[in-house]
């Protein structure tokens, strides 16, 4: 697997520990827990990531 680079956390979550980080790799994105970076990460290809972001923007994960 290609290494993940450019890990970043949302600017909206700077004052909390309950967040995830997103990194990039050719053809997709990776997500990991900020509090436990050593636990690994999961990856999504470009299409999966695009679908996920669209669902978040549409409010599909609101409580």
PDB file of N, CA and C in Angstrom:
ATOM      1  N   UNK A   1       0.836  -1.181   0.000  1.00  0.00           N
ATOM      2  CA  UNK A   1       0.000   0.000   0.000  1.00  0.00           C
ATOM      3  C   UNK A   1       0.875   1.236   0.000  1.00  0.00           C
ATOM      4  N   UNK A   2       0.463   2.224  -0.730  1.00  0.00           N
ATOM      5  CA  UNK A   2       1.148   3.500  -0.771  1.00  0.00           C
ATOM      6  C   UNK A   2       1.006   4.196   0.576  1.00  0.00           C
ATOM      7  N   UNK A   3       2.036   4.895   0.990  1.00  0.00           N
ATOM      8  CA  UNK A   3       1.954   5.573   2.284  1.00  0.00           C
ATOM      9  C   UNK A   3       0.992   6.756   2.228  1.00  0.00           C
ATOM     10  N   UNK A   4       0.395   7.016   3.361  1.00  0.00           N
ATOM     11  CA  UNK A   4      -0.564   8.108   3.494  1.00  0.00           C
ATOM     12  C   UNK A   4       0.189   9.356   3.920  1.00  0.00           C
ATOM     13  N   UNK A   5      -0.176  10.495   3.365  1.00  0.00           N
ATOM     14  CA  UNK A   5       0.501  11.739   3.710  1.00  0.00           C
ATOM     15  C   UNK A   5      -0.520  12.848   3.957  1.00  0.00           C
ATOM     16  N   UNK A   6      -0.030  13.928   4.504  1.00  0.00           N
ATOM     17  CA  UNK A   6      -0.863  15.113   4.691  1.00  0.00           C
ATOM     18  C   UNK A   6      -1.984  14.952   5.694  1.00  0.00           C
ATOM     19  N   UNK A   7      -1.754  14.188   6.764  1.00  0.00           N
ATOM     20  CA  UNK A   7      -2.804  14.012   7.767  1.00  0.00           C
ATOM     21  C   UNK A   7      -3.241  15.370   8.282  1.00  0.00           C
ATOM     22  N   UNK A   8      -4.567  15.557   8.392  1.00  0.00           N
ATOM     23  CA  UNK A   8      -5.079  16.823   8.908  1.00  0.00           C
ATOM     24  C   UNK A   8      -6.382  16.591   9.672  1.00  0.00           C
ATOM     25  N   UNK A   9      -6.643  17.500  10.570  1.00  0.00           N
ATOM     26  CA  UNK A   9      -7.838  17.463  11.410  1.00  0.00           C
ATOM     27  C   UNK A   9      -8.684  18.677  11.052  1.00  0.00           C
ATOM     28  N   UNK A  10      -9.979  18.543  11.109  1.00  0.00           N
ATOM     29  CA  UNK A  10     -10.869  19.650  10.797  1.00  0.00           C
ATOM     30  C   UNK A  10     -10.585  20.845  11.692  1.00  0.00           C
ATOM     31  N   UNK A  11     -10.629  22.030  11.122  1.00  0.00           N
ATOM     32  CA  UNK A  11     -10.433  23.240  11.920  1.00  0.00           C
ATOM     33  C   UNK A  11     -11.565  23.415  12.925  1.00  0.00           C
ATOM     34  N   UNK A  12     -12.689  22.773  12.691  1.00  0.00           N
ATOM     35  CA  UNK A  12     -13.821  22.852  13.623  1.00  0.00           C
ATOM     36  C   UNK A  12     -13.615  21.979  14.855  1.00  0.00           C
ATOM     37  N   UNK A  13     -12.621  21.137  14.865  1.00  0.00           N
ATOM     38  CA  UNK A  13     -12.421  20.235  16.001  1.00  0.00           C
ATOM     39  C   UNK A  13     -11.118  20.518  16.745  1.00  0.00           C
ATOM     40  N   UNK A  14     -10.582  21.692  16.624  1.00  0.00           N
ATOM     41  CA  UNK A  14      -9.308  22.019  17.264  1.00  0.00           C
ATOM     42  C   UNK A  14      -9.377  22.014  18.785  1.00  0.00           C
ATOM     43  N   UNK A  15     -10.538  22.248  19.362  1.00  0.00           N
ATOM     44  CA  UNK A  15     -10.639  22.335  20.823  1.00  0.00           C
ATOM     45  C   UNK A  15     -11.212  21.078  21.457  1.00  0.00           C
ATOM     46  N   UNK A  16     -11.113  19.956  20.770  1.00  0.00           N
ATOM     47  CA  UNK A  16     -11.650  18.708  21.309  1.00  0.00           C
ATOM     48  C   UNK A  16     -10.732  17.547  20.952  1.00  0.00           C
ATOM     49  N   UNK A  17     -10.798  16.499  21.751  1.00  0.00           N
ATOM     50  CA  UNK A  17     -10.014  15.300  21.470  1.00  0.00           C
ATOM     51  C   UNK A  17     -10.823  14.263  20.704  1.00  0.00           C
ATOM     52  N   UNK A  18     -12.107  14.480  20.554  1.00  0.00           N
ATOM     53  CA  UNK A  18     -12.983  13.516  19.884  1.00  0.00           C
ATOM     54  C   UNK A  18     -13.079  13.832  18.399  1.00  0.00           C
ATOM     55  N   UNK A  19     -12.072  13.442  17.667  1.00  0.00           N
ATOM     56  CA  UNK A  19     -12.090  13.733  16.248  1.00  0.00           C
ATOM     57  C   UNK A  19     -11.256  12.709  15.487  1.00  0.00           C
ATOM     58  N   UNK A  20     -11.324  12.813  14.206  1.00  0.00           N
ATOM     59  CA  UNK A  20     -10.542  11.958  13.328  1.00  0.00           C
ATOM     60  C   UNK A  20      -9.664  12.826  12.440  1.00  0.00           C
ATOM     61  N   UNK A  21      -8.676  12.212  11.852  1.00  0.00           N
ATOM     62  CA  UNK A  21      -7.800  12.886  10.904  1.00  0.00           C
ATOM     63  C   UNK A  21      -7.961  12.221   9.545  1.00  0.00           C
ATOM     64  N   UNK A  22      -7.795  13.006   8.505  1.00  0.00           N
ATOM     65  CA  UNK A  22      -7.896  12.505   7.139  1.00  0.00           C
ATOM     66  C   UNK A  22      -6.553  12.708   6.457  1.00  0.00           C
ATOM     67  N   UNK A  23      -6.105  11.681   5.769  1.00  0.00           N
ATOM     68  CA  UNK A  23      -4.865  11.752   5.010  1.00  0.00           C
ATOM     69  C   UNK A  23      -5.121  11.351   3.568  1.00  0.00           C
ATOM     70  N   UNK A  24      -4.190  11.676   2.718  1.00  0.00           N
ATOM     71  CA  UNK A  24      -4.354  11.375   1.297  1.00  0.00           C
ATOM     72  C   UNK A  24      -3.352  10.331   0.835  1.00  0.00           C
ATOM     73  N   UNK A  25      -3.762   9.559  -0.147  1.00  0.00           N
ATOM     74  CA  UNK A  25      -2.862   8.671  -0.859  1.00  0.00           C
ATOM     75  C   UNK A  25      -3.365   8.626  -2.298  1.00  0.00           C
ATOM     76  N   UNK A  26      -2.544   8.249  -3.245  1.00  0.00           N
ATOM     77  CA  UNK A  26      -2.986   8.244  -4.636  1.00  0.00           C
ATOM     78  C   UNK A  26      -4.265   7.421  -4.824  1.00  0.00           C
ATOM     79  N   UNK A  27      -5.312   8.071  -5.279  1.00  0.00           N
ATOM     80  CA  UNK A  27      -6.555   7.376  -5.556  1.00  0.00           C
ATOM     81  C   UNK A  27      -7.545   7.314  -4.424  1.00  0.00           C
ATOM     82  N   UNK A  28      -7.291   8.025  -3.310  1.00  0.00           N
ATOM     83  CA  UNK A  28      -8.254   7.959  -2.228  1.00  0.00           C
ATOM     84  C   UNK A  28      -7.869   8.734  -0.993  1.00  0.00           C
ATOM     85  N   UNK A  29      -8.490   8.337   0.120  1.00  0.00           N
ATOM     86  CA  UNK A  29      -8.262   9.002   1.398  1.00  0.00           C
ATOM     87  C   UNK A  29      -8.207   7.952   2.501  1.00  0.00           C
ATOM     88  N   UNK A  30      -7.585   8.326   3.607  1.00  0.00           N
ATOM     89  CA  UNK A  30      -7.484   7.459   4.781  1.00  0.00           C
ATOM     90  C   UNK A  30      -7.990   8.230   5.989  1.00  0.00           C
ATOM     91  N   UNK A  31      -8.540   7.511   6.972  1.00  0.00           N
ATOM     92  CA  UNK A  31      -9.087   8.129   8.175  1.00  0.00           C
ATOM     93  C   UNK A  31      -8.549   7.378   9.392  1.00  0.00           C
ATOM     94  N   UNK A  32      -8.167   8.146  10.418  1.00  0.00           N
ATOM     95  CA  UNK A  32      -7.687   7.532  11.665  1.00  0.00           C
ATOM     96  C   UNK A  32      -8.188   8.337  12.860  1.00  0.00           C
ATOM     97  N   UNK A  33      -8.164   7.684  14.022  1.00  0.00           N
ATOM     98  CA  UNK A  33      -8.570   8.298  15.277  1.00  0.00           C
ATOM     99  C   UNK A  33      -7.426   9.162  15.791  1.00  0.00           C
ATOM    100  N   UNK A  34      -7.699  10.417  16.066  1.00  0.00           N
ATOM    101  CA  UNK A  34      -6.665  11.324  16.541  1.00  0.00           C
ATOM    102  C   UNK A  34      -6.080  10.878  17.881  1.00  0.00           C
ATOM    103  N   UNK A  35      -6.909  10.319  18.758  1.00  0.00           N
ATOM    104  CA  UNK A  35      -6.449   9.917  20.084  1.00  0.00           C
ATOM    105  C   UNK A  35      -5.606   8.647  20.058  1.00  0.00           C
ATOM    106  N   UNK A  36      -5.758   7.833  19.016  1.00  0.00           N
ATOM    107  CA  UNK A  36      -5.047   6.550  18.965  1.00  0.00           C
ATOM    108  C   UNK A  36      -4.498   6.308  17.561  1.00  0.00           C
ATOM    109  N   UNK A  37      -3.564   7.123  17.164  1.00  0.00           N
ATOM    110  CA  UNK A  37      -3.001   7.039  15.811  1.00  0.00           C
ATOM    111  C   UNK A  37      -2.336   5.695  15.536  1.00  0.00           C
ATOM    112  N   UNK A  38      -1.821   5.067  16.577  1.00  0.00           N
ATOM    113  CA  UNK A  38      -1.129   3.794  16.384  1.00  0.00           C
ATOM    114  C   UNK A  38      -2.089   2.641  16.093  1.00  0.00           C
ATOM    115  N   UNK A  39      -3.391   2.860  16.240  1.00  0.00           N
ATOM    116  CA  UNK A  39      -4.380   1.806  15.989  1.00  0.00           C
ATOM    117  C   UNK A  39      -4.581   1.548  14.504  1.00  0.00           C
ATOM    118  N   UNK A  40      -4.001   2.378  13.670  1.00  0.00           N
ATOM    119  CA  UNK A  40      -4.134   2.195  12.236  1.00  0.00           C
ATOM    120  C   UNK A  40      -5.174   3.120  11.639  1.00  0.00           C
ATOM    121  N   UNK A  41      -5.557   2.824  10.415  1.00  0.00           N
ATOM    122  CA  UNK A  41      -6.501   3.667   9.706  1.00  0.00           C
ATOM    123  C   UNK A  41      -7.249   2.833   8.683  1.00  0.00           C
ATOM    124  N   UNK A  42      -8.360   3.378   8.197  1.00  0.00           N
ATOM    125  CA  UNK A  42      -9.056   2.712   7.104  1.00  0.00           C
ATOM    126  C   UNK A  42      -8.975   3.600   5.883  1.00  0.00           C
ATOM    127  N   UNK A  43      -9.096   2.991   4.735  1.00  0.00           N
ATOM    128  CA  UNK A  43      -8.957   3.730   3.481  1.00  0.00           C
ATOM    129  C   UNK A  43     -10.233   3.617   2.651  1.00  0.00           C
ATOM    130  N   UNK A  44     -10.417   4.594   1.790  1.00  0.00           N
ATOM    131  CA  UNK A  44     -11.529   4.607   0.844  1.00  0.00           C
ATOM    132  C   UNK A  44     -10.981   5.063  -0.495  1.00  0.00           C
ATOM    133  N   UNK A  45     -11.445   4.422  -1.566  1.00  0.00           N
ATOM    134  CA  UNK A  45     -10.998   4.898  -2.880  1.00  0.00           C
ATOM    135  C   UNK A  45     -11.708   6.215  -3.179  1.00  0.00           C
ATOM    136  N   UNK A  46     -11.340   6.851  -4.267  1.00  0.00           N
ATOM    137  CA  UNK A  46     -11.867   8.181  -4.587  1.00  0.00           C
ATOM    138  C   UNK A  46     -13.391   8.193  -4.692  1.00  0.00           C
ATOM    139  N   UNK A  47     -13.970   7.187  -5.284  1.00  0.00           N
ATOM    140  CA  UNK A  47     -15.425   7.122  -5.433  1.00  0.00           C
ATOM    141  C   UNK A  47     -16.109   6.957  -4.079  1.00  0.00           C
ATOM    142  N   UNK A  48     -15.591   6.074  -3.257  1.00  0.00           N
ATOM    143  CA  UNK A  48     -16.156   5.863  -1.917  1.00  0.00           C
ATOM    144  C   UNK A  48     -16.055   7.136  -1.086  1.00  0.00           C
ATOM    145  N   UNK A  49     -14.909   7.791  -1.152  1.00  0.00           N
ATOM    146  CA  UNK A  49     -14.701   9.009  -0.380  1.00  0.00           C
ATOM    147  C   UNK A  49     -15.660  10.106  -0.842  1.00  0.00           C
ATOM    148  N   UNK A  50     -15.827  10.247  -2.124  1.00  0.00           N
ATOM    149  CA  UNK A  50     -16.743  11.243  -2.672  1.00  0.00           C
ATOM    150  C   UNK A  50     -18.175  10.986  -2.206  1.00  0.00           C
ATOM    151  N   UNK A  51     -18.591   9.728  -2.220  1.00  0.00           N
ATOM    152  CA  UNK A  51     -19.936   9.369  -1.750  1.00  0.00           C
ATOM    153  C   UNK A  51     -20.091   9.675  -0.260  1.00  0.00           C
ATOM    154  N   UNK A  52     -19.074   9.385   0.522  1.00  0.00           N
ATOM    155  CA  UNK A  52     -19.120   9.651   1.956  1.00  0.00           C
ATOM    156  C   UNK A  52     -19.228  11.150   2.227  1.00  0.00           C
ATOM    157  N   UNK A  53     -18.404  11.942   1.590  1.00  0.00           N
ATOM    158  CA  UNK A  53     -18.431  13.395   1.790  1.00  0.00           C
ATOM    159  C   UNK A  53     -19.791  13.961   1.377  1.00  0.00           C
ATOM    160  N   UNK A  54     -20.343  13.492   0.277  1.00  0.00           N
ATOM    161  CA  UNK A  54     -21.664  13.955  -0.164  1.00  0.00           C
ATOM    162  C   UNK A  54     -22.727  13.605   0.880  1.00  0.00           C
ATOM    163  N   UNK A  55     -22.643  12.422   1.471  1.00  0.00           N
ATOM    164  CA  UNK A  55     -23.609  12.012   2.493  1.00  0.00           C
ATOM    165  C   UNK A  55     -23.485  12.884   3.740  1.00  0.00           C
ATOM    166  N   UNK A  56     -22.263  13.214   4.140  1.00  0.00           N
ATOM    167  CA  UNK A  56     -22.062  14.088   5.292  1.00  0.00           C
ATOM    168  C   UNK A  56     -22.669  15.458   5.010  1.00  0.00           C
ATOM    169  N   UNK A  57     -22.380  16.014   3.849  1.00  0.00           N
ATOM    170  CA  UNK A  57     -22.917  17.326   3.491  1.00  0.00           C
ATOM    171  C   UNK A  57     -24.443  17.326   3.415  1.00  0.00           C
ATOM    172  N   UNK A  58     -25.013  16.197   3.047  1.00  0.00           N
ATOM    173  CA  UNK A  58     -26.477  16.088   2.962  1.00  0.00           C
ATOM    174  C   UNK A  58     -27.136  15.843   4.316  1.00  0.00           C
ATOM    175  N   UNK A  59     -26.320  15.686   5.368  1.00  0.00           N
ATOM    176  CA  UNK A  59     -26.853  15.492   6.714  1.00  0.00           C
ATOM    177  C   UNK A  59     -27.296  14.079   7.031  1.00  0.00           C
ATOM    178  N   UNK A  60     -26.839  13.101   6.269  1.00  0.00           N
ATOM    179  CA  UNK A  60     -27.275  11.731   6.500  1.00  0.00           C
ATOM    180  C   UNK A  60     -26.782  11.129   7.815  1.00  0.00           C
ATOM    181  N   UNK A  61     -25.797  11.750   8.447  1.00  0.00           N
ATOM    182  CA  UNK A  61     -25.248  11.205   9.689  1.00  0.00           C
ATOM    183  C   UNK A  61     -25.589  12.059  10.903  1.00  0.00           C
ATOM    184  N   UNK A  62     -26.511  12.986  10.745  1.00  0.00           N
ATOM    185  CA  UNK A  62     -26.924  13.839  11.867  1.00  0.00           C
ATOM    186  C   UNK A  62     -27.711  13.018  12.870  1.00  0.00           C
ATOM    187  N   UNK A  63     -27.543  13.316  14.107  1.00  0.00           N
ATOM    188  CA  UNK A  63     -28.292  12.610  15.159  1.00  0.00           C
ATOM    189  C   UNK A  63     -29.581  13.289  15.415  1.00  0.00           C
TER     190      UNK A  63
END
